[in-house]
N, C-alpha and C. Protein backbone atom coordinates (compact mmCIF):
# COMPACT_ATOMS: atom_id res chain seq x y z
N MET A 1 0.84 -1.21 0.00
CA MET A 1 0.00 0.00 0.00
C MET A 1 0.87 1.26 0.00
N LEU A 2 1.91 1.25 0.85
CA LEU A 2 2.77 2.41 0.96
C LEU A 2 3.53 2.67 -0.35
N SER A 3 3.95 1.59 -1.00
CA SER A 3 4.69 1.73 -2.25
C SER A 3 3.80 2.34 -3.33
N ALA A 4 2.54 1.96 -3.36
CA ALA A 4 1.60 2.52 -4.34
C ALA A 4 1.43 4.02 -4.13
N VAL A 5 1.34 4.43 -2.86
CA VAL A 5 1.20 5.86 -2.53
C VAL A 5 2.45 6.61 -2.96
N GLU A 6 3.61 6.01 -2.72
CA GLU A 6 4.88 6.64 -3.10
C GLU A 6 4.95 6.82 -4.63
N ILE A 7 4.55 5.79 -5.35
CA ILE A 7 4.57 5.85 -6.81
C ILE A 7 3.63 6.96 -7.29
N GLU A 8 2.47 7.07 -6.67
CA GLU A 8 1.50 8.09 -7.03
C GLU A 8 2.10 9.48 -6.82
N HIS A 9 2.80 9.65 -5.68
CA HIS A 9 3.42 10.94 -5.37
C HIS A 9 4.49 11.29 -6.40
N THR A 10 5.36 10.33 -6.72
CA THR A 10 6.44 10.59 -7.66
C THR A 10 5.89 10.88 -9.06
N GLN A 11 4.76 10.27 -9.41
CA GLN A 11 4.17 10.52 -10.72
C GLN A 11 3.48 11.88 -10.77
N SER A 12 2.92 12.32 -9.64
CA SER A 12 2.17 13.58 -9.62
C SER A 12 3.10 14.78 -9.64
N ILE A 13 4.34 14.63 -9.20
CA ILE A 13 5.27 15.77 -9.14
C ILE A 13 5.69 16.25 -10.54
N PRO A 14 6.14 15.38 -11.45
CA PRO A 14 6.60 15.88 -12.75
C PRO A 14 5.47 16.31 -13.69
N THR A 15 4.22 16.02 -13.34
CA THR A 15 3.11 16.38 -14.22
C THR A 15 2.93 17.90 -14.30
N TYR A 16 3.51 18.64 -13.35
CA TYR A 16 3.40 20.09 -13.38
C TYR A 16 4.22 20.68 -14.53
N TYR A 17 5.37 20.07 -14.82
CA TYR A 17 6.27 20.61 -15.84
C TYR A 17 5.64 20.69 -17.23
N PRO A 18 5.03 19.59 -17.73
CA PRO A 18 4.40 19.69 -19.07
C PRO A 18 3.24 20.67 -19.10
N VAL A 19 2.53 20.79 -17.99
CA VAL A 19 1.40 21.73 -17.92
C VAL A 19 1.93 23.16 -18.07
N VAL A 20 3.01 23.48 -17.36
CA VAL A 20 3.59 24.83 -17.41
C VAL A 20 4.11 25.12 -18.81
N THR A 21 4.84 24.15 -19.40
CA THR A 21 5.39 24.35 -20.75
C THR A 21 4.27 24.46 -21.76
N ASN A 22 3.23 23.65 -21.58
CA ASN A 22 2.08 23.69 -22.49
C ASN A 22 1.40 25.05 -22.39
N LEU A 23 1.30 25.56 -21.16
CA LEU A 23 0.66 26.86 -20.94
C LEU A 23 1.46 27.97 -21.61
N THR A 24 2.78 27.95 -21.44
CA THR A 24 3.62 28.98 -22.05
C THR A 24 3.56 28.88 -23.57
N ASP A 25 3.55 27.64 -24.09
CA ASP A 25 3.43 27.44 -25.53
C ASP A 25 2.11 27.99 -26.03
N ARG A 26 1.06 27.74 -25.27
CA ARG A 26 -0.27 28.21 -25.66
C ARG A 26 -0.32 29.74 -25.65
N ILE A 27 0.31 30.35 -24.64
CA ILE A 27 0.32 31.81 -24.53
C ILE A 27 1.08 32.42 -25.71
N THR A 28 2.24 31.83 -26.04
CA THR A 28 3.04 32.35 -27.15
C THR A 28 2.30 32.18 -28.47
N SER A 29 1.65 31.04 -28.66
CA SER A 29 0.90 30.79 -29.90
C SER A 29 -0.27 31.76 -30.00
N MET A 30 -0.93 32.01 -28.85
CA MET A 30 -2.04 32.96 -28.85
C MET A 30 -1.54 34.36 -29.18
N PHE A 31 -0.37 34.73 -28.64
CA PHE A 31 0.21 36.04 -28.90
C PHE A 31 0.52 36.19 -30.39
N VAL A 32 1.12 35.14 -30.97
CA VAL A 32 1.46 35.17 -32.39
C VAL A 32 0.19 35.24 -33.23
N PHE A 33 -0.81 34.47 -32.82
CA PHE A 33 -2.09 34.44 -33.56
C PHE A 33 -2.76 35.81 -33.53
N THR A 34 -2.78 36.44 -32.35
CA THR A 34 -3.41 37.76 -32.23
C THR A 34 -2.61 38.80 -33.02
N ASN A 35 -1.27 38.64 -33.03
CA ASN A 35 -0.42 39.55 -33.81
C ASN A 35 -0.76 39.45 -35.29
N ILE A 36 -0.83 38.22 -35.79
CA ILE A 36 -1.14 37.98 -37.20
C ILE A 36 -2.54 38.49 -37.51
N LEU A 37 -3.47 38.24 -36.59
CA LEU A 37 -4.86 38.65 -36.79
C LEU A 37 -4.95 40.18 -36.88
N SER A 38 -4.25 40.86 -35.98
CA SER A 38 -4.28 42.32 -35.98
C SER A 38 -3.65 42.88 -37.26
N LEU A 39 -2.57 42.23 -37.72
CA LEU A 39 -1.92 42.65 -38.96
C LEU A 39 -2.87 42.47 -40.14
N MET A 40 -3.59 41.33 -40.17
CA MET A 40 -4.53 41.06 -41.24
C MET A 40 -5.67 42.08 -41.23
N ILE A 41 -6.17 42.39 -40.03
CA ILE A 41 -7.25 43.37 -39.90
C ILE A 41 -6.77 44.74 -40.37
N TYR A 42 -5.55 45.10 -39.97
CA TYR A 42 -4.97 46.38 -40.37
C TYR A 42 -4.83 46.47 -41.89
N ALA A 43 -4.33 45.38 -42.50
CA ALA A 43 -4.17 45.34 -43.95
C ALA A 43 -5.53 45.44 -44.65
N PHE A 44 -6.52 44.72 -44.11
CA PHE A 44 -7.88 44.73 -44.68
C PHE A 44 -8.47 46.13 -44.62
N VAL A 45 -8.33 46.79 -43.46
CA VAL A 45 -8.88 48.13 -43.27
C VAL A 45 -8.18 49.12 -44.19
N SER A 46 -6.86 49.03 -44.27
CA SER A 46 -6.12 49.96 -45.12
C SER A 46 -6.48 49.76 -46.59
N ALA A 47 -6.67 48.49 -46.99
CA ALA A 47 -7.07 48.19 -48.37
C ALA A 47 -8.46 48.77 -48.64
N ASN A 48 -9.36 48.64 -47.69
CA ASN A 48 -10.71 49.19 -47.85
C ASN A 48 -10.67 50.71 -47.96
N VAL A 49 -9.81 51.33 -47.15
CA VAL A 49 -9.70 52.80 -47.17
C VAL A 49 -9.18 53.25 -48.53
N THR A 50 -8.17 52.56 -49.07
CA THR A 50 -7.61 52.94 -50.37
C THR A 50 -8.65 52.73 -51.47
N ILE A 51 -9.42 51.65 -51.39
CA ILE A 51 -10.47 51.38 -52.38
C ILE A 51 -11.52 52.50 -52.32
N CYS A 52 -11.90 52.88 -51.10
CA CYS A 52 -12.90 53.95 -50.94
C CYS A 52 -12.36 55.26 -51.49
N MET A 53 -11.08 55.52 -51.29
CA MET A 53 -10.47 56.75 -51.79
C MET A 53 -10.46 56.74 -53.31
N TYR A 54 -10.21 55.56 -53.90
CA TYR A 54 -10.22 55.45 -55.36
C TYR A 54 -11.64 55.65 -55.90
N LEU A 55 -12.62 55.10 -55.18
CA LEU A 55 -14.02 55.21 -55.62
C LEU A 55 -14.49 56.66 -55.52
N VAL A 56 -14.06 57.33 -54.45
CA VAL A 56 -14.46 58.73 -54.23
C VAL A 56 -13.53 59.63 -55.03
């Protein structure tokens, strides 16, 4: 019984590391995604403004 508890403890300790790395990876990917999204929106808006200027 004691050995099973010990194994459970040793297994539960390293599980924090992948969670932290996964979280940081997710944050960086979200940052990159939002950066690309904002750039795309900016390009779209600027293109629309130039088209409107050409039309007017």
